[in-house]
Amino acid sequence: MNRAEFDKAFPPRASERYGGIEAVGSTLWLEHADGIQYEKEDGSTALLRPEDLTKDESMMKGSPHLKLMQAMSGDTLLLTREQWLREYVLRMLPLRITGDRTQAPLLLNAELKIFTVQQRFTVNPGVIYEQQGIIKDGRVERDLTKEQAITFALRLTPQRGAVKKFAYYPGGINDYGIGALEENPDLIRMQLGHRIYFELYRRPQGKAQAALIPPYQF
């Protein structure tokens, strides 16, 4: 039995899925959607279609989580907004977002904020000895109050259409674990792991939103 036959005979359960990898080939799974638009540094607007997400997933090897853990604060000056979105953030969102089929296909606008924070804000609160840098088992552990880490906040707001359904698939990856989730009829707010704060509005907004916050503040 080859892999295709195995997957057909034993399809993954919802708790085992890796976002939309099995269905559409990309971690972020968009349905009835034209894609995600974002503003580049030069002020122009670019559009990522669902097929672009699939292409990125097939071309970029390795875990974006591991790459992010290895990234340094200076990388915030070296990488473009497009690179952060396509190489890191969108590949770290095991979400399924479905547009309302009674309306035009969903067009989402992405607002991305990059934060450099103390490393202690990207580990579990129980890792006390690492946070304090005390001696453990005869050696000095890392002092996470003096190391820097990169975290993100991402807001997706419909410019056209509306969000009908939303689903989250942890995929068995520890860093994908939800730190917190809140929702109301207008907005879904999540902290995924320790490095991403995520907002999704269900319909277009006629007013300015509050400033994005780093994940540890949610």
C-alpha atoms as a PDB file:
ATOM      1  CA  MET A   1       0.000   0.000   0.000  1.00  0.00           C
ATOM      2  CA  ASN A   2       1.472   3.338  -1.075  1.00  0.00           C
ATOM      3  CA  ARG A   3       0.946   6.655   0.765  1.00  0.00           C
ATOM      4  CA  ALA A   4      -1.962   7.746  -1.444  1.00  0.00           C
ATOM      5  CA  GLU A   5      -3.760   4.431  -0.843  1.00  0.00           C
ATOM      6  CA  PHE A   6      -3.040   4.655   2.896  1.00  0.00           C
ATOM      7  CA  ASP A   7      -4.399   8.206   3.146  1.00  0.00           C
ATOM      8  CA  LYS A   8      -7.538   7.171   1.279  1.00  0.00           C
ATOM      9  CA  ALA A   9      -8.090   4.154   3.514  1.00  0.00           C
ATOM     10  CA  PHE A  10      -7.219   5.990   6.735  1.00  0.00           C
ATOM     11  CA  PRO A  11      -7.921   9.711   6.310  1.00  0.00           C
ATOM     12  CA  PRO A  12      -6.459  11.865   9.095  1.00  0.00           C
ATOM     13  CA  ARG A  13      -8.775  12.899  11.897  1.00  0.00           C
ATOM     14  CA  ALA A  14      -9.371  16.607  12.465  1.00  0.00           C
ATOM     15  CA  SER A  15      -6.954  16.565  15.426  1.00  0.00           C
ATOM     16  CA  GLU A  16      -4.244  15.079  13.188  1.00  0.00           C
ATOM     17  CA  ARG A  17      -4.508  17.435  10.252  1.00  0.00           C
ATOM     18  CA  TYR A  18      -1.785  19.914   9.462  1.00  0.00           C
ATOM     19  CA  GLY A  19      -3.991  22.791   8.417  1.00  0.00           C
ATOM     20  CA  GLY A  20      -5.007  22.319   4.801  1.00  0.00           C
ATOM     21  CA  ILE A  21      -1.912  20.359   3.722  1.00  0.00           C
ATOM     22  CA  GLU A  22      -3.905  17.201   3.018  1.00  0.00           C
ATOM     23  CA  ALA A  23      -6.702  19.039   1.209  1.00  0.00           C
ATOM     24  CA  VAL A  24      -5.083  21.914  -0.684  1.00  0.00           C
ATOM     25  CA  GLY A  25      -1.345  21.667  -0.043  1.00  0.00           C
ATOM     26  CA  SER A  26      -0.954  24.728   2.196  1.00  0.00           C
ATOM     27  CA  THR A  27      -1.086  25.102   5.973  1.00  0.00           C
ATOM     28  CA  LEU A  28      -3.510  28.028   5.717  1.00  0.00           C
ATOM     29  CA  TRP A  29      -6.642  26.756   4.005  1.00  0.00           C
ATOM     30  CA  LEU A  30      -8.766  29.376   2.198  1.00  0.00           C
ATOM     31  CA  GLU A  31     -12.119  28.461   0.651  1.00  0.00           C
ATOM     32  CA  HIS A  32     -14.344  30.649  -1.536  1.00  0.00           C
ATOM     33  CA  ALA A  33     -11.622  33.275  -1.354  1.00  0.00           C
ATOM     34  CA  ASP A  34      -9.680  35.325  -3.864  1.00  0.00           C
ATOM     35  CA  GLY A  35      -6.793  35.553  -1.431  1.00  0.00           C
ATOM     36  CA  ILE A  36      -4.921  37.870   0.920  1.00  0.00           C
ATOM     37  CA  GLN A  37      -3.736  41.335  -0.035  1.00  0.00           C
ATOM     38  CA  TYR A  38      -1.019  43.273   1.778  1.00  0.00           C
ATOM     39  CA  GLU A  39       0.877  46.507   1.422  1.00  0.00           C
ATOM     40  CA  LYS A  40       4.545  46.398   0.462  1.00  0.00           C
ATOM     41  CA  GLU A  41       7.200  48.744   1.792  1.00  0.00           C
ATOM     42  CA  ASP A  42       6.960  50.918  -1.333  1.00  0.00           C
ATOM     43  CA  GLY A  43       3.213  51.453  -0.787  1.00  0.00           C
ATOM     44  CA  SER A  44       2.066  49.140  -3.577  1.00  0.00           C
ATOM     45  CA  THR A  45      -0.433  46.345  -2.913  1.00  0.00           C
ATOM     46  CA  ALA A  46       0.226  42.671  -3.639  1.00  0.00           C
ATOM     47  CA  LEU A  47      -2.210  39.747  -3.666  1.00  0.00           C
ATOM     48  CA  LEU A  48      -1.538  36.200  -2.505  1.00  0.00           C
ATOM     49  CA  ARG A  49      -4.011  33.754  -4.002  1.00  0.00           C
ATOM     50  CA  PRO A  50      -4.712  30.323  -2.477  1.00  0.00           C
ATOM     51  CA  GLU A  51      -2.583  28.696  -5.178  1.00  0.00           C
ATOM     52  CA  ASP A  52       0.335  30.929  -4.160  1.00  0.00           C
ATOM     53  CA  LEU A  53       0.124  29.541  -0.628  1.00  0.00           C
ATOM     54  CA  THR A  54       0.274  26.013  -2.032  1.00  0.00           C
ATOM     55  CA  LYS A  55       3.268  26.917  -4.202  1.00  0.00           C
ATOM     56  CA  ASP A  56       5.087  28.449  -1.242  1.00  0.00           C
ATOM     57  CA  GLU A  57       4.530  25.322   0.842  1.00  0.00           C
ATOM     58  CA  SER A  58       5.926  23.081  -1.885  1.00  0.00           C
ATOM     59  CA  MET A  59       8.992  25.247  -2.520  1.00  0.00           C
ATOM     60  CA  MET A  60      10.021  26.174   1.025  1.00  0.00           C
ATOM     61  CA  LYS A  61      11.581  23.331   2.940  1.00  0.00           C
ATOM     62  CA  GLY A  62      11.849  22.942   6.673  1.00  0.00           C
ATOM     63  CA  SER A  63       9.724  24.078   9.569  1.00  0.00           C
ATOM     64  CA  PRO A  64       8.944  27.806   9.730  1.00  0.00           C
ATOM     65  CA  HIS A  65       8.867  27.420  13.512  1.00  0.00           C
ATOM     66  CA  LEU A  66      12.481  26.256  13.606  1.00  0.00           C
ATOM     67  CA  LYS A  67      13.497  28.989  11.192  1.00  0.00           C
ATOM     68  CA  LEU A  68      11.825  31.572  13.382  1.00  0.00           C
ATOM     69  CA  MET A  69      13.561  30.282  16.505  1.00  0.00           C
ATOM     70  CA  GLN A  70      16.869  30.715  14.695  1.00  0.00           C
ATOM     71  CA  ALA A  71      16.031  34.209  13.430  1.00  0.00           C
ATOM     72  CA  MET A  72      17.740  37.144  15.104  1.00  0.00           C
ATOM     73  CA  SER A  73      16.452  40.622  15.841  1.00  0.00           C
ATOM     74  CA  GLY A  74      18.588  42.051  13.030  1.00  0.00           C
ATOM     75  CA  ASP A  75      16.545  40.025  10.548  1.00  0.00           C
ATOM     76  CA  THR A  76      13.703  42.493  11.007  1.00  0.00           C
ATOM     77  CA  LEU A  77      15.790  44.924   8.956  1.00  0.00           C
ATOM     78  CA  LEU A  78      16.830  42.386   6.309  1.00  0.00           C
ATOM     79  CA  LEU A  79      13.558  40.680   5.371  1.00  0.00           C
ATOM     80  CA  THR A  80      10.624  42.326   3.616  1.00  0.00           C
ATOM     81  CA  ARG A  81       7.016  42.165   4.784  1.00  0.00           C
ATOM     82  CA  GLU A  82       6.336  39.757   1.925  1.00  0.00           C
ATOM     83  CA  GLN A  83       9.125  37.445   3.084  1.00  0.00           C
ATOM     84  CA  TRP A  84       7.867  37.413   6.665  1.00  0.00           C
ATOM     85  CA  LEU A  85       4.346  36.615   5.466  1.00  0.00           C
ATOM     86  CA  ARG A  86       5.175  33.961   2.878  1.00  0.00           C
ATOM     87  CA  GLU A  87       8.156  32.252   4.491  1.00  0.00           C
ATOM     88  CA  TYR A  88       7.056  32.366   8.113  1.00  0.00           C
ATOM     89  CA  VAL A  89       3.674  33.640   9.280  1.00  0.00           C
ATOM     90  CA  LEU A  90       1.181  32.189   6.796  1.00  0.00           C
ATOM     91  CA  ARG A  91       2.972  28.833   6.915  1.00  0.00           C
ATOM     92  CA  MET A  92       2.438  28.811  10.694  1.00  0.00           C
ATOM     93  CA  LEU A  93      -1.359  29.179  10.576  1.00  0.00           C
ATOM     94  CA  PRO A  94      -3.135  25.772  10.544  1.00  0.00           C
ATOM     95  CA  LEU A  95      -6.470  27.469   9.967  1.00  0.00           C
ATOM     96  CA  ARG A  96      -9.383  26.955   7.606  1.00  0.00           C
ATOM     97  CA  ILE A  97     -11.210  30.122   6.616  1.00  0.00           C
ATOM     98  CA  THR A  98     -14.301  29.806   4.434  1.00  0.00           C
ATOM     99  CA  GLY A  99     -16.024  32.704   2.728  1.00  0.00           C
ATOM    100  CA  ASP A 100     -19.789  33.152   2.637  1.00  0.00           C
ATOM    101  CA  ARG A 101     -20.872  31.612  -0.675  1.00  0.00           C
ATOM    102  CA  THR A 102     -23.912  33.889  -0.855  1.00  0.00           C
ATOM    103  CA  GLN A 103     -21.493  36.802  -1.313  1.00  0.00           C
ATOM    104  CA  ALA A 104     -18.489  37.545  -3.529  1.00  0.00           C
ATOM    105  CA  PRO A 105     -15.331  35.496  -2.882  1.00  0.00           C
ATOM    106  CA  LEU A 106     -13.530  36.566   0.264  1.00  0.00           C
ATOM    107  CA  LEU A 107     -10.724  39.110  -0.137  1.00  0.00           C
ATOM    108  CA  LEU A 108      -8.715  39.551   3.059  1.00  0.00           C
ATOM    109  CA  ASN A 109      -6.412  42.433   3.881  1.00  0.00           C
ATOM    110  CA  ALA A 110      -3.361  41.503   5.978  1.00  0.00           C
ATOM    111  CA  GLU A 111      -1.859  43.815   8.556  1.00  0.00           C
ATOM    112  CA  LEU A 112       1.422  42.472   9.966  1.00  0.00           C
ATOM    113  CA  LYS A 113       3.370  43.767  12.941  1.00  0.00           C
ATOM    114  CA  ILE A 114       6.770  42.352  13.907  1.00  0.00           C
ATOM    115  CA  PHE A 115       7.957  42.575  17.513  1.00  0.00           C
ATOM    116  CA  THR A 116      11.333  41.955  19.112  1.00  0.00           C
ATOM    117  CA  VAL A 117      10.764  40.819  22.697  1.00  0.00           C
ATOM    118  CA  GLN A 118      12.674  39.199  25.528  1.00  0.00           C
ATOM    119  CA  GLN A 119      13.116  35.474  24.945  1.00  0.00           C
ATOM    120  CA  ARG A 120      11.331  34.754  28.235  1.00  0.00           C
ATOM    121  CA  PHE A 121       8.049  35.790  26.582  1.00  0.00           C
ATOM    122  CA  THR A 122       8.319  32.910  24.078  1.00  0.00           C
ATOM    123  CA  VAL A 123       8.646  30.010  26.546  1.00  0.00           C
ATOM    124  CA  ASN A 124       6.199  28.385  28.929  1.00  0.00           C
ATOM    125  CA  PRO A 125       5.870  30.261  32.245  1.00  0.00           C
ATOM    126  CA  GLY A 126       7.011  27.121  34.064  1.00  0.00           C
ATOM    127  CA  VAL A 127      10.546  27.412  32.667  1.00  0.00           C
ATOM    128  CA  ILE A 128      11.565  29.464  35.688  1.00  0.00           C
ATOM    129  CA  TYR A 129      15.210  28.461  35.903  1.00  0.00           C
ATOM    130  CA  GLU A 130      15.802  29.505  32.319  1.00  0.00           C
ATOM    131  CA  GLN A 131      14.046  32.807  32.801  1.00  0.00           C
ATOM    132  CA  GLN A 132      16.088  33.652  35.875  1.00  0.00           C
ATOM    133  CA  GLY A 133      19.380  32.247  34.643  1.00  0.00           C
ATOM    134  CA  ILE A 134      20.113  30.437  37.911  1.00  0.00           C
ATOM    135  CA  ILE A 135      22.508  27.528  38.383  1.00  0.00           C
ATOM    136  CA  LYS A 136      20.917  24.137  37.737  1.00  0.00           C
ATOM    137  CA  ASP A 137      22.732  20.803  37.948  1.00  0.00           C
ATOM    138  CA  GLY A 138      26.065  22.558  38.290  1.00  0.00           C
ATOM    139  CA  ARG A 139      25.787  24.757  35.197  1.00  0.00           C
ATOM    140  CA  VAL A 140      24.422  28.213  34.495  1.00  0.00           C
ATOM    141  CA  GLU A 141      21.340  28.119  32.309  1.00  0.00           C
ATOM    142  CA  ARG A 142      20.571  30.724  29.651  1.00  0.00           C
ATOM    143  CA  ASP A 143      19.260  34.007  30.959  1.00  0.00           C
ATOM    144  CA  LEU A 144      16.184  34.522  28.803  1.00  0.00           C
ATOM    145  CA  THR A 145      15.702  38.054  30.107  1.00  0.00           C
ATOM    146  CA  LYS A 146      18.779  39.112  28.121  1.00  0.00           C
ATOM    147  CA  GLU A 147      18.101  37.278  24.851  1.00  0.00           C
ATOM    148  CA  GLN A 148      15.814  38.613  22.113  1.00  0.00           C
ATOM    149  CA  ALA A 149      13.215  36.795  20.036  1.00  0.00           C
ATOM    150  CA  ILE A 150      10.950  37.707  17.127  1.00  0.00           C
ATOM    151  CA  THR A 151       7.175  37.442  17.415  1.00  0.00           C
ATOM    152  CA  PHE A 152       4.308  38.508  15.144  1.00  0.00           C
ATOM    153  CA  ALA A 153       0.834  39.950  15.214  1.00  0.00           C
ATOM    154  CA  LEU A 154      -1.357  39.416  12.142  1.00  0.00           C
ATOM    155  CA  ARG A 155      -4.791  40.870  11.445  1.00  0.00           C
ATOM    156  CA  LEU A 156      -6.942  39.683   8.529  1.00  0.00           C
ATOM    157  CA  THR A 157      -9.897  41.909   7.634  1.00  0.00           C
ATOM    158  CA  PRO A 158     -12.342  41.226   4.772  1.00  0.00           C
ATOM    159  CA  GLN A 159     -12.304  43.892   2.084  1.00  0.00           C
ATOM    160  CA  ARG A 160     -14.917  41.988   0.115  1.00  0.00           C
ATOM    161  CA  GLY A 161     -17.200  39.136   1.111  1.00  0.00           C
ATOM    162  CA  ALA A 162     -17.529  37.771   4.643  1.00  0.00           C
ATOM    163  CA  VAL A 163     -16.201  34.894   6.740  1.00  0.00           C
ATOM    164  CA  LYS A 164     -18.752  32.085   7.045  1.00  0.00           C
ATOM    165  CA  LYS A 165     -16.728  29.375   8.805  1.00  0.00           C
ATOM    166  CA  PHE A 166     -13.509  29.146  10.780  1.00  0.00           C
ATOM    167  CA  ALA A 167     -11.592  26.076  11.991  1.00  0.00           C
ATOM    168  CA  TYR A 168      -8.259  25.429  13.708  1.00  0.00           C
ATOM    169  CA  TYR A 169      -6.137  22.282  13.245  1.00  0.00           C
ATOM    170  CA  PRO A 170      -3.280  21.839  15.734  1.00  0.00           C
ATOM    171  CA  GLY A 171      -1.581  19.116  13.698  1.00  0.00           C
ATOM    172  CA  GLY A 172       0.295  17.731  16.676  1.00  0.00           C
ATOM    173  CA  ILE A 173       2.928  20.483  16.532  1.00  0.00           C
ATOM    174  CA  ASN A 174       3.612  21.889  20.016  1.00  0.00           C
ATOM    175  CA  ASP A 175       4.141  25.462  18.879  1.00  0.00           C
ATOM    176  CA  TYR A 176       0.770  25.391  17.138  1.00  0.00           C
ATOM    177  CA  GLY A 177      -0.987  25.020  20.487  1.00  0.00           C
ATOM    178  CA  ILE A 178      -3.489  27.758  21.230  1.00  0.00           C
ATOM    179  CA  GLY A 179      -2.406  29.944  24.103  1.00  0.00           C
ATOM    180  CA  ALA A 180      -5.791  31.676  24.196  1.00  0.00           C
ATOM    181  CA  LEU A 181      -8.868  32.189  22.021  1.00  0.00           C
ATOM    182  CA  GLU A 182     -11.704  34.679  22.205  1.00  0.00           C
ATOM    183  CA  GLU A 183     -14.489  35.275  19.720  1.00  0.00           C
ATOM    184  CA  ASN A 184     -17.628  37.320  19.256  1.00  0.00           C
ATOM    185  CA  PRO A 185     -19.954  37.893  16.281  1.00  0.00           C
ATOM    186  CA  ASP A 186     -17.439  40.297  14.696  1.00  0.00           C
ATOM    187  CA  LEU A 187     -13.955  39.107  15.662  1.00  0.00           C
ATOM    188  CA  ILE A 188     -11.828  36.024  16.397  1.00  0.00           C
ATOM    189  CA  ARG A 189      -8.675  36.594  18.481  1.00  0.00           C
ATOM    190  CA  MET A 190      -6.043  33.907  19.097  1.00  0.00           C
ATOM    191  CA  GLN A 191      -2.579  33.410  20.448  1.00  0.00           C
ATOM    192  CA  LEU A 192      -0.930  30.510  18.617  1.00  0.00           C
ATOM    193  CA  GLY A 193       1.962  29.133  20.598  1.00  0.00           C
ATOM    194  CA  HIS A 194       4.082  31.935  22.000  1.00  0.00           C
ATOM    195  CA  ARG A 195       5.017  33.686  18.776  1.00  0.00           C
ATOM    196  CA  ILE A 196       1.846  34.642  16.891  1.00  0.00           C
ATOM    197  CA  TYR A 197      -1.098  36.802  17.890  1.00  0.00           C
ATOM    198  CA  PHE A 198      -3.885  36.532  15.290  1.00  0.00           C
ATOM    199  CA  GLU A 199      -7.068  38.473  14.600  1.00  0.00           C
ATOM    200  CA  LEU A 200      -9.733  37.634  12.019  1.00  0.00           C
ATOM    201  CA  TYR A 201     -12.687  39.915  11.406  1.00  0.00           C
ATOM    202  CA  ARG A 202     -15.763  38.203  10.007  1.00  0.00           C
ATOM    203  CA  ARG A 203     -16.871  41.074   7.762  1.00  0.00           C
ATOM    204  CA  PRO A 204     -15.537  44.408   6.398  1.00  0.00           C
ATOM    205  CA  GLN A 205     -14.908  47.105   8.998  1.00  0.00           C
ATOM    206  CA  GLY A 206     -15.886  50.723   8.569  1.00  0.00           C
ATOM    207  CA  LYS A 207     -13.610  52.069  11.291  1.00  0.00           C
ATOM    208  CA  ALA A 208      -9.953  51.890  12.249  1.00  0.00           C
ATOM    209  CA  GLN A 209      -8.915  49.036  14.542  1.00  0.00           C
ATOM    210  CA  ALA A 210      -6.758  49.254  17.643  1.00  0.00           C
ATOM    211  CA  ALA A 211      -2.995  48.789  17.330  1.00  0.00           C
ATOM    212  CA  LEU A 212      -1.801  45.188  17.140  1.00  0.00           C
ATOM    213  CA  ILE A 213      -0.180  43.738  20.241  1.00  0.00           C
ATOM    214  CA  PRO A 214       2.603  41.156  20.757  1.00  0.00           C
ATOM    215  CA  PRO A 215       1.411  37.639  21.631  1.00  0.00           C
ATOM    216  CA  TYR A 216       2.441  37.736  25.286  1.00  0.00           C
ATOM    217  CA  GLN A 217       0.110  40.698  25.932  1.00  0.00           C
ATOM    218  CA  PHE A 218      -2.997  38.740  24.916  1.00  0.00           C
END
